[in-house]
Amino acid sequence: MSQMITIELNGQQQPLPPGSTVNDLLAIVGSDGKSVAVLVNDRIIRPESRALHQLQEGNRVELLIFAGGG
């Protein structure tokens, strides 16, 4: 079995299988990705790029959830 990589997700360590994409991470955390912004190392990853953007050891990922209100 492959060694896991570790990223920082919203300030916490998160192990992932090597080759995981942003979409894979969203599935792991239970997000449909529709109301969330994703930043990897302070760069916004647009929804159309998430399936191709592979995460690497040590990446800093922030998931920002949009909440409606008034």
N, C-alpha and C. Protein backbone atom coordinates (compact mmCIF):
# COMPACT_ATOMS: atom_id res chain seq x y z
N MET A 1 0.85 -1.20 0.00
CA MET A 1 0.00 0.00 0.00
C MET A 1 0.88 1.25 0.00
N SER A 2 0.44 2.27 -0.68
CA SER A 2 1.22 3.51 -0.80
C SER A 2 1.25 4.26 0.52
N GLN A 3 2.32 4.99 0.71
CA GLN A 3 2.46 5.86 1.87
C GLN A 3 1.48 7.03 1.73
N MET A 4 0.91 7.47 2.84
CA MET A 4 0.01 8.62 2.82
C MET A 4 0.83 9.91 2.77
N ILE A 5 0.23 10.96 2.22
CA ILE A 5 0.82 12.29 2.31
C ILE A 5 0.05 13.03 3.41
N THR A 6 0.63 14.11 3.90
CA THR A 6 -0.04 14.91 4.91
C THR A 6 -0.11 16.35 4.43
N ILE A 7 -1.32 16.90 4.46
CA ILE A 7 -1.52 18.30 4.14
C ILE A 7 -2.00 19.00 5.41
N GLU A 8 -2.04 20.32 5.37
CA GLU A 8 -2.63 21.09 6.45
C GLU A 8 -3.97 21.58 5.96
N LEU A 9 -5.04 21.14 6.60
CA LEU A 9 -6.40 21.50 6.20
C LEU A 9 -7.01 22.37 7.29
N ASN A 10 -7.23 23.65 6.97
CA ASN A 10 -7.78 24.60 7.95
C ASN A 10 -7.03 24.53 9.27
N GLY A 11 -5.69 24.44 9.19
CA GLY A 11 -4.84 24.46 10.37
C GLY A 11 -4.63 23.13 11.06
N GLN A 12 -5.23 22.05 10.53
CA GLN A 12 -5.10 20.72 11.13
C GLN A 12 -4.43 19.77 10.15
N GLN A 13 -3.66 18.83 10.68
CA GLN A 13 -3.02 17.83 9.83
C GLN A 13 -4.08 16.89 9.25
N GLN A 14 -3.98 16.59 7.96
CA GLN A 14 -4.95 15.73 7.27
C GLN A 14 -4.18 14.76 6.38
N PRO A 15 -4.20 13.44 6.71
CA PRO A 15 -3.56 12.48 5.81
C PRO A 15 -4.44 12.21 4.59
N LEU A 16 -3.79 12.00 3.46
CA LEU A 16 -4.49 11.71 2.20
C LEU A 16 -3.69 10.68 1.41
N PRO A 17 -4.37 9.89 0.58
CA PRO A 17 -3.63 9.02 -0.32
C PRO A 17 -2.85 9.85 -1.34
N PRO A 18 -1.67 9.40 -1.75
CA PRO A 18 -0.92 10.12 -2.79
C PRO A 18 -1.76 10.24 -4.06
N GLY A 19 -1.63 11.37 -4.75
CA GLY A 19 -2.37 11.59 -5.98
C GLY A 19 -3.76 12.15 -5.77
N SER A 20 -4.13 12.43 -4.51
CA SER A 20 -5.46 12.98 -4.23
C SER A 20 -5.59 14.36 -4.85
N THR A 21 -6.78 14.61 -5.39
CA THR A 21 -7.09 15.93 -5.96
C THR A 21 -7.91 16.73 -4.96
N VAL A 22 -8.14 17.99 -5.29
CA VAL A 22 -9.01 18.82 -4.46
C VAL A 22 -10.40 18.19 -4.37
N ASN A 23 -10.93 17.67 -5.48
CA ASN A 23 -12.23 17.00 -5.45
C ASN A 23 -12.23 15.81 -4.51
N ASP A 24 -11.13 15.04 -4.50
CA ASP A 24 -11.03 13.91 -3.57
C ASP A 24 -11.11 14.39 -2.13
N LEU A 25 -10.40 15.47 -1.83
CA LEU A 25 -10.42 16.02 -0.48
C LEU A 25 -11.83 16.47 -0.10
N LEU A 26 -12.51 17.14 -1.00
CA LEU A 26 -13.87 17.58 -0.72
C LEU A 26 -14.78 16.39 -0.42
N ALA A 27 -14.62 15.31 -1.14
CA ALA A 27 -15.42 14.11 -0.89
C ALA A 27 -15.10 13.52 0.49
N ILE A 28 -13.83 13.52 0.86
CA ILE A 28 -13.41 12.98 2.16
C ILE A 28 -14.04 13.77 3.30
N VAL A 29 -14.10 15.09 3.16
CA VAL A 29 -14.66 15.92 4.24
C VAL A 29 -16.19 16.06 4.13
N GLY A 30 -16.78 15.47 3.11
CA GLY A 30 -18.23 15.46 2.99
C GLY A 30 -18.84 16.71 2.38
N SER A 31 -18.07 17.40 1.57
CA SER A 31 -18.58 18.62 0.92
C SER A 31 -18.94 18.34 -0.53
N ASP A 32 -20.05 18.91 -0.98
CA ASP A 32 -20.40 18.79 -2.40
C ASP A 32 -19.64 19.81 -3.24
N GLY A 33 -18.92 20.73 -2.58
CA GLY A 33 -18.10 21.70 -3.29
C GLY A 33 -18.85 22.88 -3.85
N LYS A 34 -20.17 22.92 -3.68
CA LYS A 34 -20.96 23.98 -4.31
C LYS A 34 -20.88 25.30 -3.55
N SER A 35 -20.80 25.24 -2.23
CA SER A 35 -20.82 26.48 -1.45
C SER A 35 -19.51 26.67 -0.69
N VAL A 36 -18.42 26.26 -1.33
CA VAL A 36 -17.12 26.34 -0.67
C VAL A 36 -16.08 26.93 -1.62
N ALA A 37 -15.22 27.76 -1.07
CA ALA A 37 -14.05 28.24 -1.81
C ALA A 37 -12.85 27.44 -1.32
N VAL A 38 -11.96 27.08 -2.23
CA VAL A 38 -10.78 26.29 -1.88
C VAL A 38 -9.53 27.10 -2.21
N LEU A 39 -8.66 27.23 -1.21
CA LEU A 39 -7.35 27.85 -1.42
C LEU A 39 -6.28 26.82 -1.11
N VAL A 40 -5.33 26.69 -2.01
CA VAL A 40 -4.17 25.83 -1.79
C VAL A 40 -2.94 26.72 -1.83
N ASN A 41 -2.22 26.77 -0.72
CA ASN A 41 -1.05 27.64 -0.59
C ASN A 41 -1.39 29.07 -1.01
N ASP A 42 -2.54 29.55 -0.52
CA ASP A 42 -3.02 30.91 -0.74
C ASP A 42 -3.46 31.20 -2.18
N ARG A 43 -3.61 30.18 -3.00
CA ARG A 43 -4.11 30.35 -4.38
C ARG A 43 -5.51 29.75 -4.48
N ILE A 44 -6.45 30.51 -5.04
CA ILE A 44 -7.81 30.00 -5.22
C ILE A 44 -7.80 28.93 -6.30
N ILE A 45 -8.44 27.80 -6.00
CA ILE A 45 -8.60 26.72 -6.99
C ILE A 45 -10.05 26.76 -7.45
N ARG A 46 -10.24 27.16 -8.68
CA ARG A 46 -11.59 27.32 -9.22
C ARG A 46 -12.26 25.94 -9.39
N PRO A 47 -13.59 25.90 -9.30
CA PRO A 47 -14.30 24.62 -9.38
C PRO A 47 -13.93 23.78 -10.60
N GLU A 48 -13.72 24.42 -11.74
CA GLU A 48 -13.41 23.65 -12.95
C GLU A 48 -12.00 23.05 -12.91
N SER A 49 -11.17 23.48 -11.99
CA SER A 49 -9.79 22.96 -11.88
C SER A 49 -9.61 21.94 -10.76
N ARG A 50 -10.62 21.78 -9.94
CA ARG A 50 -10.47 20.93 -8.74
C ARG A 50 -10.22 19.47 -9.04
N ALA A 51 -10.78 18.94 -10.12
CA ALA A 51 -10.60 17.53 -10.44
C ALA A 51 -9.17 17.23 -10.90
N LEU A 52 -8.47 18.23 -11.40
CA LEU A 52 -7.12 18.03 -11.92
C LEU A 52 -6.02 18.48 -10.97
N HIS A 53 -6.37 19.28 -9.96
CA HIS A 53 -5.36 19.85 -9.07
C HIS A 53 -4.97 18.82 -8.01
N GLN A 54 -3.81 18.20 -8.19
CA GLN A 54 -3.33 17.20 -7.23
C GLN A 54 -2.67 17.89 -6.05
N LEU A 55 -3.01 17.39 -4.87
CA LEU A 55 -2.42 17.91 -3.64
C LEU A 55 -1.09 17.24 -3.38
N GLN A 56 -0.17 18.00 -2.79
CA GLN A 56 1.19 17.51 -2.53
C GLN A 56 1.47 17.56 -1.03
N GLU A 57 2.43 16.76 -0.61
CA GLU A 57 2.88 16.75 0.78
C GLU A 57 3.14 18.18 1.25
N GLY A 58 2.56 18.54 2.40
CA GLY A 58 2.81 19.84 2.99
C GLY A 58 1.96 20.98 2.47
N ASN A 59 1.09 20.74 1.47
CA ASN A 59 0.22 21.82 0.99
C ASN A 59 -0.63 22.36 2.15
N ARG A 60 -0.85 23.68 2.12
CA ARG A 60 -1.75 24.33 3.07
C ARG A 60 -3.07 24.58 2.34
N VAL A 61 -4.13 23.93 2.82
CA VAL A 61 -5.43 24.03 2.17
C VAL A 61 -6.42 24.69 3.14
N GLU A 62 -7.15 25.66 2.62
CA GLU A 62 -8.21 26.31 3.39
C GLU A 62 -9.52 26.09 2.65
N LEU A 63 -10.51 25.60 3.37
CA LEU A 63 -11.86 25.48 2.83
C LEU A 63 -12.71 26.56 3.49
N LEU A 64 -13.23 27.46 2.68
CA LEU A 64 -14.05 28.57 3.18
C LEU A 64 -15.49 28.32 2.77
N ILE A 65 -16.36 28.20 3.75
CA ILE A 65 -17.75 27.86 3.49
C ILE A 65 -18.59 29.13 3.49
N PHE A 66 -19.36 29.29 2.42
CA PHE A 66 -20.24 30.44 2.29
C PHE A 66 -21.54 30.15 3.03
N ALA A 67 -21.94 31.06 3.86
CA ALA A 67 -23.20 30.92 4.59
C ALA A 67 -24.11 32.09 4.21
N GLY A 68 -25.33 31.76 3.88
CA GLY A 68 -26.29 32.80 3.56
C GLY A 68 -26.84 33.42 4.83
N GLY A 69 -27.36 34.56 4.69
CA GLY A 69 -27.94 35.22 5.86
C GLY A 69 -28.41 36.61 5.48
N GLY A 70 -28.99 37.25 6.43
CA GLY A 70 -29.47 38.57 6.08
C GLY A 70 -29.66 39.41 7.20
